[in-house]
Structures are given as C-alpha cells and as structure tokens.
Amino acid sequence: MLKNVHRVDAFGHVCTDEEMEVFGRAGAIDANPIRGAEDVLLVERIKEMLLE
C-alpha cells in the first residue's frame, strides 16, 4: 500500500529527492520518522501534564 513512500515530514512535502539527500547527509533530517512522531506525541503529553 505505501511501497512508494520515501519522503515524510515537512521536508518531504517541499524538498526534492536531491535536497532531501543533502539535508540528510548534513544531519538536518532525522532518519527515523517514527521516532520523530513519537517525540511529538511525548511533547504534547508533557504539555498537557504541565498545564493541569
């Protein structure tokens, strides 16, 4: 179903394949989009806890 997906996150929407490669080599893009999504969820949970 998602076999053709090879770019994710905001960079995936605005960068070309070549730009993604350059940013990736420079360390500007996390190689693990799952971890990035988990981090977002954790930050949201922390914000909720702090605002209670």
PDB file of N, CA and C in Angstrom:
ATOM      1  N   MET A   1       0.818  -1.182   0.000  1.00  0.00           N
ATOM      2  CA  MET A   1       0.000   0.000   0.000  1.00  0.00           C
ATOM      3  C   MET A   1       0.873   1.260   0.000  1.00  0.00           C
ATOM      4  N   LEU A   2       1.850   1.363   0.903  1.00  0.00           N
ATOM      5  CA  LEU A   2       2.708   2.536   0.964  1.00  0.00           C
ATOM      6  C   LEU A   2       4.113   2.237   0.455  1.00  0.00           C
ATOM      7  N   LYS A   3       4.212   1.384  -0.518  1.00  0.00           N
ATOM      8  CA  LYS A   3       5.523   0.966  -1.011  1.00  0.00           C
ATOM      9  C   LYS A   3       6.292   2.094  -1.691  1.00  0.00           C
ATOM     10  N   ASN A   4       5.587   3.092  -2.192  1.00  0.00           N
ATOM     11  CA  ASN A   4       6.251   4.175  -2.913  1.00  0.00           C
ATOM     12  C   ASN A   4       6.600   5.364  -2.026  1.00  0.00           C
ATOM     13  N   VAL A   5       6.263   5.310  -0.754  1.00  0.00           N
ATOM     14  CA  VAL A   5       6.561   6.420   0.136  1.00  0.00           C
ATOM     15  C   VAL A   5       8.037   6.381   0.505  1.00  0.00           C
ATOM     16  N   HIS A   6       8.753   7.472   0.217  1.00  0.00           N
ATOM     17  CA  HIS A   6      10.168   7.513   0.573  1.00  0.00           C
ATOM     18  C   HIS A   6      10.563   8.848   1.185  1.00  0.00           C
ATOM     19  N   ARG A   7       9.628   9.794   1.254  1.00  0.00           N
ATOM     20  CA  ARG A   7       9.899  11.077   1.913  1.00  0.00           C
ATOM     21  C   ARG A   7       8.722  11.395   2.828  1.00  0.00           C
ATOM     22  N   VAL A   8       9.025  11.747   4.053  1.00  0.00           N
ATOM     23  CA  VAL A   8       7.976  12.078   5.007  1.00  0.00           C
ATOM     24  C   VAL A   8       8.326  13.383   5.719  1.00  0.00           C
ATOM     25  N   ASP A   9       7.451  13.874   6.525  1.00  0.00           N
ATOM     26  CA  ASP A   9       7.534  15.090   7.329  1.00  0.00           C
ATOM     27  C   ASP A   9       7.494  16.325   6.436  1.00  0.00           C
ATOM     28  N   ALA A  10       7.695  17.487   7.030  1.00  0.00           N
ATOM     29  CA  ALA A  10       7.592  18.748   6.283  1.00  0.00           C
ATOM     30  C   ALA A  10       8.592  18.806   5.127  1.00  0.00           C
ATOM     31  N   PHE A  11       9.804  18.320   5.361  1.00  0.00           N
ATOM     32  CA  PHE A  11      10.795  18.320   4.284  1.00  0.00           C
ATOM     33  C   PHE A  11      10.324  17.489   3.095  1.00  0.00           C
ATOM     34  N   GLY A  12       9.660  16.406   3.369  1.00  0.00           N
ATOM     35  CA  GLY A  12       9.171  15.540   2.305  1.00  0.00           C
ATOM     36  C   GLY A  12       8.157  16.208   1.411  1.00  0.00           C
ATOM     37  N   HIS A  13       7.490  17.206   1.931  1.00  0.00           N
ATOM     38  CA  HIS A  13       6.481  17.909   1.145  1.00  0.00           C
ATOM     39  C   HIS A  13       7.073  19.014   0.286  1.00  0.00           C
ATOM     40  N   VAL A  14       8.207  19.567   0.683  1.00  0.00           N
ATOM     41  CA  VAL A  14       8.727  20.734  -0.026  1.00  0.00           C
ATOM     42  C   VAL A  14      10.085  20.515  -0.691  1.00  0.00           C
ATOM     43  N   CYS A  15      10.786  19.456  -0.362  1.00  0.00           N
ATOM     44  CA  CYS A  15      12.122  19.227  -0.914  1.00  0.00           C
ATOM     45  C   CYS A  15      12.083  18.203  -2.040  1.00  0.00           C
ATOM     46  N   THR A  16      13.034  18.337  -2.936  1.00  0.00           N
ATOM     47  CA  THR A  16      13.225  17.321  -3.960  1.00  0.00           C
ATOM     48  C   THR A  16      14.006  16.157  -3.347  1.00  0.00           C
ATOM     49  N   ASP A  17      14.114  15.070  -4.084  1.00  0.00           N
ATOM     50  CA  ASP A  17      14.906  13.932  -3.601  1.00  0.00           C
ATOM     51  C   ASP A  17      16.351  14.350  -3.347  1.00  0.00           C
ATOM     52  N   GLU A  18      16.901  15.157  -4.258  1.00  0.00           N
ATOM     53  CA  GLU A  18      18.285  15.599  -4.110  1.00  0.00           C
ATOM     54  C   GLU A  18      18.451  16.459  -2.858  1.00  0.00           C
ATOM     55  N   GLU A  19      17.522  17.384  -2.627  1.00  0.00           N
ATOM     56  CA  GLU A  19      17.604  18.232  -1.439  1.00  0.00           C
ATOM     57  C   GLU A  19      17.481  17.397  -0.165  1.00  0.00           C
ATOM     58  N   MET A  20      16.598  16.407  -0.180  1.00  0.00           N
ATOM     59  CA  MET A  20      16.451  15.528   0.984  1.00  0.00           C
ATOM     60  C   MET A  20      17.759  14.808   1.275  1.00  0.00           C
ATOM     61  N   GLU A  21      18.430  14.371   0.222  1.00  0.00           N
ATOM     62  CA  GLU A  21      19.708  13.672   0.397  1.00  0.00           C
ATOM     63  C   GLU A  21      20.754  14.599   1.014  1.00  0.00           C
ATOM     64  N   VAL A  22      20.816  15.828   0.526  1.00  0.00           N
ATOM     65  CA  VAL A  22      21.793  16.792   1.042  1.00  0.00           C
ATOM     66  C   VAL A  22      21.506  17.092   2.513  1.00  0.00           C
ATOM     67  N   PHE A  23      20.244  17.396   2.843  1.00  0.00           N
ATOM     68  CA  PHE A  23      19.880  17.682   4.222  1.00  0.00           C
ATOM     69  C   PHE A  23      20.128  16.471   5.118  1.00  0.00           C
ATOM     70  N   GLY A  24      19.841  15.277   4.608  1.00  0.00           N
ATOM     71  CA  GLY A  24      20.061  14.062   5.382  1.00  0.00           C
ATOM     72  C   GLY A  24      21.526  13.834   5.703  1.00  0.00           C
ATOM     73  N   ARG A  25      22.379  14.049   4.716  1.00  0.00           N
ATOM     74  CA  ARG A  25      23.820  13.891   4.943  1.00  0.00           C
ATOM     75  C   ARG A  25      24.346  14.916   5.931  1.00  0.00           C
ATOM     76  N   ALA A  26      23.721  16.090   5.936  1.00  0.00           N
ATOM     77  CA  ALA A  26      24.155  17.154   6.850  1.00  0.00           C
ATOM     78  C   ALA A  26      23.612  16.947   8.263  1.00  0.00           C
ATOM     79  N   GLY A  27      22.736  15.957   8.426  1.00  0.00           N
ATOM     80  CA  GLY A  27      22.171  15.670   9.744  1.00  0.00           C
ATOM     81  C   GLY A  27      20.977  16.537  10.103  1.00  0.00           C
ATOM     82  N   ALA A  28      20.429  17.251   9.115  1.00  0.00           N
ATOM     83  CA  ALA A  28      19.304  18.142   9.382  1.00  0.00           C
ATOM     84  C   ALA A  28      17.971  17.405   9.430  1.00  0.00           C
ATOM     85  N   ILE A  29      17.934  16.195   8.923  1.00  0.00           N
ATOM     86  CA  ILE A  29      16.699  15.415   8.881  1.00  0.00           C
ATOM     87  C   ILE A  29      16.897  14.131   9.660  1.00  0.00           C
ATOM     88  N   ASP A  30      15.980  13.860  10.564  1.00  0.00           N
ATOM     89  CA  ASP A  30      16.037  12.622  11.328  1.00  0.00           C
ATOM     90  C   ASP A  30      15.769  11.449  10.386  1.00  0.00           C
ATOM     91  N   ALA A  31      16.621  10.455  10.416  1.00  0.00           N
ATOM     92  CA  ALA A  31      16.474   9.305   9.535  1.00  0.00           C
ATOM     93  C   ALA A  31      15.326   8.400   9.952  1.00  0.00           C
ATOM     94  N   ASN A  32      14.773   8.615  11.140  1.00  0.00           N
ATOM     95  CA  ASN A  32      13.716   7.763  11.642  1.00  0.00           C
ATOM     96  C   ASN A  32      12.448   8.589  11.880  1.00  0.00           C
ATOM     97  N   PRO A  33      11.537   8.649  10.886  1.00  0.00           N
ATOM     98  CA  PRO A  33      10.330   9.461  11.045  1.00  0.00           C
ATOM     99  C   PRO A  33       9.414   8.956  12.148  1.00  0.00           C
ATOM    100  N   ILE A  34       9.484   7.666  12.470  1.00  0.00           N
ATOM    101  CA  ILE A  34       8.660   7.116  13.546  1.00  0.00           C
ATOM    102  C   ILE A  34       9.086   7.738  14.874  1.00  0.00           C
ATOM    103  N   ARG A  35      10.373   7.823  15.095  1.00  0.00           N
ATOM    104  CA  ARG A  35      10.874   8.429  16.330  1.00  0.00           C
ATOM    105  C   ARG A  35      10.456   9.898  16.416  1.00  0.00           C
ATOM    106  N   GLY A  36      10.488  10.589  15.298  1.00  0.00           N
ATOM    107  CA  GLY A  36      10.054  11.970  15.272  1.00  0.00           C
ATOM    108  C   GLY A  36       8.591  12.113  15.663  1.00  0.00           C
ATOM    109  N   ALA A  37       7.753  11.222  15.160  1.00  0.00           N
ATOM    110  CA  ALA A  37       6.327  11.251  15.517  1.00  0.00           C
ATOM    111  C   ALA A  37       6.138  10.941  16.996  1.00  0.00           C
ATOM    112  N   GLU A  38       6.902   9.987  17.506  1.00  0.00           N
ATOM    113  CA  GLU A  38       6.818   9.659  18.932  1.00  0.00           C
ATOM    114  C   GLU A  38       7.228  10.853  19.790  1.00  0.00           C
ATOM    115  N   ASP A  39       8.257  11.568  19.351  1.00  0.00           N
ATOM    116  CA  ASP A  39       8.706  12.747  20.093  1.00  0.00           C
ATOM    117  C   ASP A  39       7.619  13.811  20.152  1.00  0.00           C
ATOM    118  N   VAL A  40       6.920  14.011  19.052  1.00  0.00           N
ATOM    119  CA  VAL A  40       5.830  14.990  19.026  1.00  0.00           C
ATOM    120  C   VAL A  40       4.751  14.596  20.018  1.00  0.00           C
ATOM    121  N   LEU A  41       4.391  13.324  20.043  1.00  0.00           N
ATOM    122  CA  LEU A  41       3.362  12.854  20.970  1.00  0.00           C
ATOM    123  C   LEU A  41       3.808  13.028  22.421  1.00  0.00           C
ATOM    124  N   LEU A  42       5.071  12.742  22.700  1.00  0.00           N
ATOM    125  CA  LEU A  42       5.583  12.915  24.059  1.00  0.00           C
ATOM    126  C   LEU A  42       5.545  14.376  24.497  1.00  0.00           C
ATOM    127  N   VAL A  43       5.928  15.266  23.610  1.00  0.00           N
ATOM    128  CA  VAL A  43       5.905  16.691  23.951  1.00  0.00           C
ATOM    129  C   VAL A  43       4.476  17.132  24.237  1.00  0.00           C
ATOM    130  N   GLU A  44       3.536  16.668  23.450  1.00  0.00           N
ATOM    131  CA  GLU A  44       2.131  17.029  23.677  1.00  0.00           C
ATOM    132  C   GLU A  44       1.642  16.510  25.027  1.00  0.00           C
ATOM    133  N   ARG A  45       2.028  15.295  25.370  1.00  0.00           N
ATOM    134  CA  ARG A  45       1.635  14.736  26.668  1.00  0.00           C
ATOM    135  C   ARG A  45       2.250  15.531  27.812  1.00  0.00           C
ATOM    136  N   ILE A  46       3.495  15.914  27.675  1.00  0.00           N
ATOM    137  CA  ILE A  46       4.164  16.705  28.709  1.00  0.00           C
ATOM    138  C   ILE A  46       3.472  18.056  28.867  1.00  0.00           C
ATOM    139  N   LYS A  47       3.135  18.690  27.754  1.00  0.00           N
ATOM    140  CA  LYS A  47       2.440  19.977  27.826  1.00  0.00           C
ATOM    141  C   LYS A  47       1.116  19.839  28.574  1.00  0.00           C
ATOM    142  N   GLU A  48       0.367  18.787  28.267  1.00  0.00           N
ATOM    143  CA  GLU A  48      -0.906  18.550  28.952  1.00  0.00           C
ATOM    144  C   GLU A  48      -0.702  18.379  30.460  1.00  0.00           C
ATOM    145  N   MET A  49       0.311  17.610  30.828  1.00  0.00           N
ATOM    146  CA  MET A  49       0.583  17.353  32.229  1.00  0.00           C
ATOM    147  C   MET A  49       0.973  18.645  32.969  1.00  0.00           C
ATOM    148  N   LEU A  50       1.764  19.479  32.322  1.00  0.00           N
ATOM    149  CA  LEU A  50       2.204  20.721  32.945  1.00  0.00           C
ATOM    150  C   LEU A  50       1.066  21.741  33.080  1.00  0.00           C
ATOM    151  N   LEU A  51       0.105  21.671  32.201  1.00  0.00           N
ATOM    152  CA  LEU A  51      -0.998  22.624  32.229  1.00  0.00           C
ATOM    153  C   LEU A  51      -2.153  22.179  33.125  1.00  0.00           C
ATOM    154  N   GLU A  52      -2.068  20.996  33.669  1.00  0.00           N
ATOM    155  CA  GLU A  52      -3.136  20.511  34.559  1.00  0.00           C
ATOM    156  C   GLU A  52      -3.075  21.168  35.904  1.00  0.00           C
TER     157      GLU A  52
END
